[in-house]
């Protein structure tokens, strides 16, 4: 049994590293929460804008004096609505993707720092 020696581990340094890791997790959670709030606010804004635009398009269709003009306005409205939806989805996708990238970079950095700290403790 005397052959097996445990490495000298600085308990205070290990606790400080763990505390720092927990702080990084808390900060990351807060940032993720803020990003999700921003995403939901933007989604809400886009939905409101879409409803307003749709209301205007319906009024334009109804105001057209002839059946041919009504059909033309409906086609125009449909095209406009689809383009708006695609644009909104792209914007929301990019916003969410950016949020995920930021989160993963923060987590990756914290994990690497934690591993470096453990390696440093083991060398002492």
C-alpha atoms as a PDB file:
ATOM      1  CA  UNK A   1       0.000   0.000   0.000  1.00  0.00           C
ATOM      2  CA  UNK A   2       2.850   2.380   0.578  1.00  0.00           C
ATOM      3  CA  UNK A   3       3.530   2.237  -3.178  1.00  0.00           C
ATOM      4  CA  UNK A   4       0.309   4.084  -3.999  1.00  0.00           C
ATOM      5  CA  UNK A   5       0.729   7.769  -3.345  1.00  0.00           C
ATOM      6  CA  UNK A   6      -2.005  10.274  -3.833  1.00  0.00           C
ATOM      7  CA  UNK A   7      -0.966  13.514  -5.450  1.00  0.00           C
ATOM      8  CA  UNK A   8      -0.771  16.566  -3.280  1.00  0.00           C
ATOM      9  CA  UNK A   9      -3.931  18.464  -4.103  1.00  0.00           C
ATOM     10  CA  UNK A  10      -4.512  22.024  -3.002  1.00  0.00           C
ATOM     11  CA  UNK A  11      -8.060  21.818  -1.672  1.00  0.00           C
ATOM     12  CA  UNK A  12      -8.423  25.608  -1.518  1.00  0.00           C
ATOM     13  CA  UNK A  13      -7.386  25.947  -5.167  1.00  0.00           C
ATOM     14  CA  UNK A  14      -9.785  23.161  -6.140  1.00  0.00           C
ATOM     15  CA  UNK A  15     -12.644  24.838  -4.281  1.00  0.00           C
ATOM     16  CA  UNK A  16     -11.811  28.194  -5.904  1.00  0.00           C
ATOM     17  CA  UNK A  17     -11.811  26.532  -9.337  1.00  0.00           C
ATOM     18  CA  UNK A  18     -15.166  24.887  -8.638  1.00  0.00           C
ATOM     19  CA  UNK A  19     -16.591  28.184  -7.406  1.00  0.00           C
ATOM     20  CA  UNK A  20     -15.357  29.898 -10.546  1.00  0.00           C
ATOM     21  CA  UNK A  21     -16.938  27.158 -12.659  1.00  0.00           C
ATOM     22  CA  UNK A  22     -20.281  27.577 -10.892  1.00  0.00           C
ATOM     23  CA  UNK A  23     -20.114  31.343 -11.396  1.00  0.00           C
ATOM     24  CA  UNK A  24     -19.477  30.778 -15.114  1.00  0.00           C
ATOM     25  CA  UNK A  25     -22.525  28.500 -15.290  1.00  0.00           C
ATOM     26  CA  UNK A  26     -24.683  31.127 -13.549  1.00  0.00           C
ATOM     27  CA  UNK A  27     -23.478  33.860 -15.915  1.00  0.00           C
ATOM     28  CA  UNK A  28     -24.061  31.603 -18.904  1.00  0.00           C
ATOM     29  CA  UNK A  29     -27.591  30.776 -17.733  1.00  0.00           C
ATOM     30  CA  UNK A  30     -28.351  34.473 -17.287  1.00  0.00           C
ATOM     31  CA  UNK A  31     -27.041  35.268 -20.777  1.00  0.00           C
ATOM     32  CA  UNK A  32     -29.055  32.397 -22.289  1.00  0.00           C
ATOM     33  CA  UNK A  33     -32.174  33.676 -20.507  1.00  0.00           C
ATOM     34  CA  UNK A  34     -31.583  37.212 -21.828  1.00  0.00           C
ATOM     35  CA  UNK A  35     -31.024  35.880 -25.355  1.00  0.00           C
ATOM     36  CA  UNK A  36     -34.257  33.891 -25.197  1.00  0.00           C
ATOM     37  CA  UNK A  37     -36.133  36.964 -23.978  1.00  0.00           C
ATOM     38  CA  UNK A  38     -34.750  38.975 -26.911  1.00  0.00           C
ATOM     39  CA  UNK A  39     -35.764  36.176 -29.279  1.00  0.00           C
ATOM     40  CA  UNK A  40     -39.299  36.061 -27.902  1.00  0.00           C
ATOM     41  CA  UNK A  41     -39.623  39.871 -28.031  1.00  0.00           C
ATOM     42  CA  UNK A  42     -38.541  39.887 -31.672  1.00  0.00           C
ATOM     43  CA  UNK A  43     -40.884  37.003 -32.472  1.00  0.00           C
ATOM     44  CA  UNK A  44     -43.725  38.945 -30.868  1.00  0.00           C
ATOM     45  CA  UNK A  45     -42.815  42.101 -32.818  1.00  0.00           C
ATOM     46  CA  UNK A  46     -42.745  40.170 -36.082  1.00  0.00           C
ATOM     47  CA  UNK A  47     -46.125  38.573 -35.341  1.00  0.00           C
ATOM     48  CA  UNK A  48     -47.631  41.981 -34.573  1.00  0.00           C
ATOM     49  CA  UNK A  49     -46.171  43.463 -37.767  1.00  0.00           C
ATOM     50  CA  UNK A  50     -47.478  40.510 -39.748  1.00  0.00           C
ATOM     51  CA  UNK A  51     -50.980  40.940 -38.355  1.00  0.00           C
ATOM     52  CA  UNK A  52     -50.949  44.651 -39.156  1.00  0.00           C
ATOM     53  CA  UNK A  53     -49.730  43.974 -42.704  1.00  0.00           C
ATOM     54  CA  UNK A  54     -52.346  41.260 -43.196  1.00  0.00           C
ATOM     55  CA  UNK A  55     -55.088  43.606 -42.024  1.00  0.00           C
ATOM     56  CA  UNK A  56     -53.949  46.213 -44.519  1.00  0.00           C
ATOM     57  CA  UNK A  57     -53.828  43.670 -47.325  1.00  0.00           C
ATOM     58  CA  UNK A  58     -57.339  42.406 -46.556  1.00  0.00           C
ATOM     59  CA  UNK A  59     -58.642  45.967 -46.608  1.00  0.00           C
ATOM     60  CA  UNK A  60     -56.926  46.563 -49.961  1.00  0.00           C
ATOM     61  CA  UNK A  61     -58.495  43.420 -51.411  1.00  0.00           C
ATOM     62  CA  UNK A  62     -61.934  44.354 -50.117  1.00  0.00           C
ATOM     63  CA  UNK A  63     -61.612  47.896 -51.450  1.00  0.00           C
ATOM     64  CA  UNK A  64     -60.825  46.745 -54.999  1.00  0.00           C
ATOM     65  CA  UNK A  65     -63.802  47.660 -57.188  1.00  0.00           C
ATOM     66  CA  UNK A  66     -63.781  44.688 -59.595  1.00  0.00           C
ATOM     67  CA  UNK A  67     -63.391  40.953 -59.208  1.00  0.00           C
ATOM     68  CA  UNK A  68     -60.272  41.007 -61.398  1.00  0.00           C
ATOM     69  CA  UNK A  69     -58.649  43.631 -59.181  1.00  0.00           C
ATOM     70  CA  UNK A  70     -59.619  41.652 -56.071  1.00  0.00           C
ATOM     71  CA  UNK A  71     -57.910  38.555 -57.488  1.00  0.00           C
ATOM     72  CA  UNK A  72     -54.844  40.599 -58.449  1.00  0.00           C
ATOM     73  CA  UNK A  73     -54.694  42.076 -54.934  1.00  0.00           C
ATOM     74  CA  UNK A  74     -55.074  38.597 -53.392  1.00  0.00           C
ATOM     75  CA  UNK A  75     -52.182  37.270 -55.480  1.00  0.00           C
ATOM     76  CA  UNK A  76     -50.085  40.274 -54.522  1.00  0.00           C
ATOM     77  CA  UNK A  77     -51.042  39.846 -50.853  1.00  0.00           C
ATOM     78  CA  UNK A  78     -50.211  36.129 -50.891  1.00  0.00           C
ATOM     79  CA  UNK A  79     -46.794  36.768 -52.444  1.00  0.00           C
ATOM     80  CA  UNK A  80     -46.072  39.567 -49.979  1.00  0.00           C
ATOM     81  CA  UNK A  81     -47.132  37.420 -47.019  1.00  0.00           C
ATOM     82  CA  UNK A  82     -44.971  34.484 -48.058  1.00  0.00           C
ATOM     83  CA  UNK A  83     -41.947  36.725 -48.602  1.00  0.00           C
ATOM     84  CA  UNK A  84     -42.506  38.318 -45.200  1.00  0.00           C
ATOM     85  CA  UNK A  85     -42.786  34.930 -43.493  1.00  0.00           C
ATOM     86  CA  UNK A  86     -39.590  33.660 -45.093  1.00  0.00           C
ATOM     87  CA  UNK A  87     -37.751  36.836 -44.116  1.00  0.00           C
ATOM     88  CA  UNK A  88     -39.022  36.617 -40.530  1.00  0.00           C
ATOM     89  CA  UNK A  89     -38.104  32.950 -40.216  1.00  0.00           C
ATOM     90  CA  UNK A  90     -34.612  33.672 -41.516  1.00  0.00           C
ATOM     91  CA  UNK A  91     -34.161  36.518 -39.048  1.00  0.00           C
ATOM     92  CA  UNK A  92     -35.390  34.431 -36.112  1.00  0.00           C
ATOM     93  CA  UNK A  93     -33.210  31.482 -37.143  1.00  0.00           C
ATOM     94  CA  UNK A  94     -30.137  33.695 -37.275  1.00  0.00           C
ATOM     95  CA  UNK A  95     -30.957  35.237 -33.906  1.00  0.00           C
ATOM     96  CA  UNK A  96     -31.387  31.818 -32.295  1.00  0.00           C
ATOM     97  CA  UNK A  97     -28.279  30.435 -33.977  1.00  0.00           C
ATOM     98  CA  UNK A  98     -26.197  33.358 -32.754  1.00  0.00           C
ATOM     99  CA  UNK A  99     -27.477  32.785 -29.232  1.00  0.00           C
ATOM    100  CA  UNK A 100     -26.526  29.104 -29.364  1.00  0.00           C
ATOM    101  CA  UNK A 101     -23.047  29.899 -30.691  1.00  0.00           C
ATOM    102  CA  UNK A 102     -22.461  32.402 -27.875  1.00  0.00           C
ATOM    103  CA  UNK A 103     -23.644  29.889 -25.286  1.00  0.00           C
ATOM    104  CA  UNK A 104     -21.458  27.101 -26.639  1.00  0.00           C
ATOM    105  CA  UNK A 105     -18.406  29.365 -26.777  1.00  0.00           C
ATOM    106  CA  UNK A 106     -18.917  30.345 -23.142  1.00  0.00           C
ATOM    107  CA  UNK A 107     -19.407  26.732 -22.038  1.00  0.00           C
ATOM    108  CA  UNK A 108     -16.422  25.542 -24.056  1.00  0.00           C
ATOM    109  CA  UNK A 109     -14.217  28.249 -22.588  1.00  0.00           C
ATOM    110  CA  UNK A 110     -15.320  27.427 -19.037  1.00  0.00           C
ATOM    111  CA  UNK A 111     -14.733  23.692 -19.525  1.00  0.00           C
ATOM    112  CA  UNK A 112     -11.268  24.249 -21.001  1.00  0.00           C
ATOM    113  CA  UNK A 113     -10.351  26.588 -18.166  1.00  0.00           C
ATOM    114  CA  UNK A 114     -11.566  24.035 -15.623  1.00  0.00           C
ATOM    115  CA  UNK A 115      -9.485  21.283 -17.218  1.00  0.00           C
ATOM    116  CA  UNK A 116      -6.439  23.559 -17.272  1.00  0.00           C
ATOM    117  CA  UNK A 117      -6.952  24.315 -13.574  1.00  0.00           C
ATOM    118  CA  UNK A 118      -7.157  20.623 -12.702  1.00  0.00           C
ATOM    119  CA  UNK A 119      -4.033  19.882 -14.734  1.00  0.00           C
ATOM    120  CA  UNK A 120      -2.247  22.734 -12.976  1.00  0.00           C
ATOM    121  CA  UNK A 121      -3.229  21.378  -9.579  1.00  0.00           C
ATOM    122  CA  UNK A 122      -1.994  17.912 -10.458  1.00  0.00           C
ATOM    123  CA  UNK A 123       1.442  19.225 -11.488  1.00  0.00           C
ATOM    124  CA  UNK A 124       1.994  20.933  -8.128  1.00  0.00           C
END
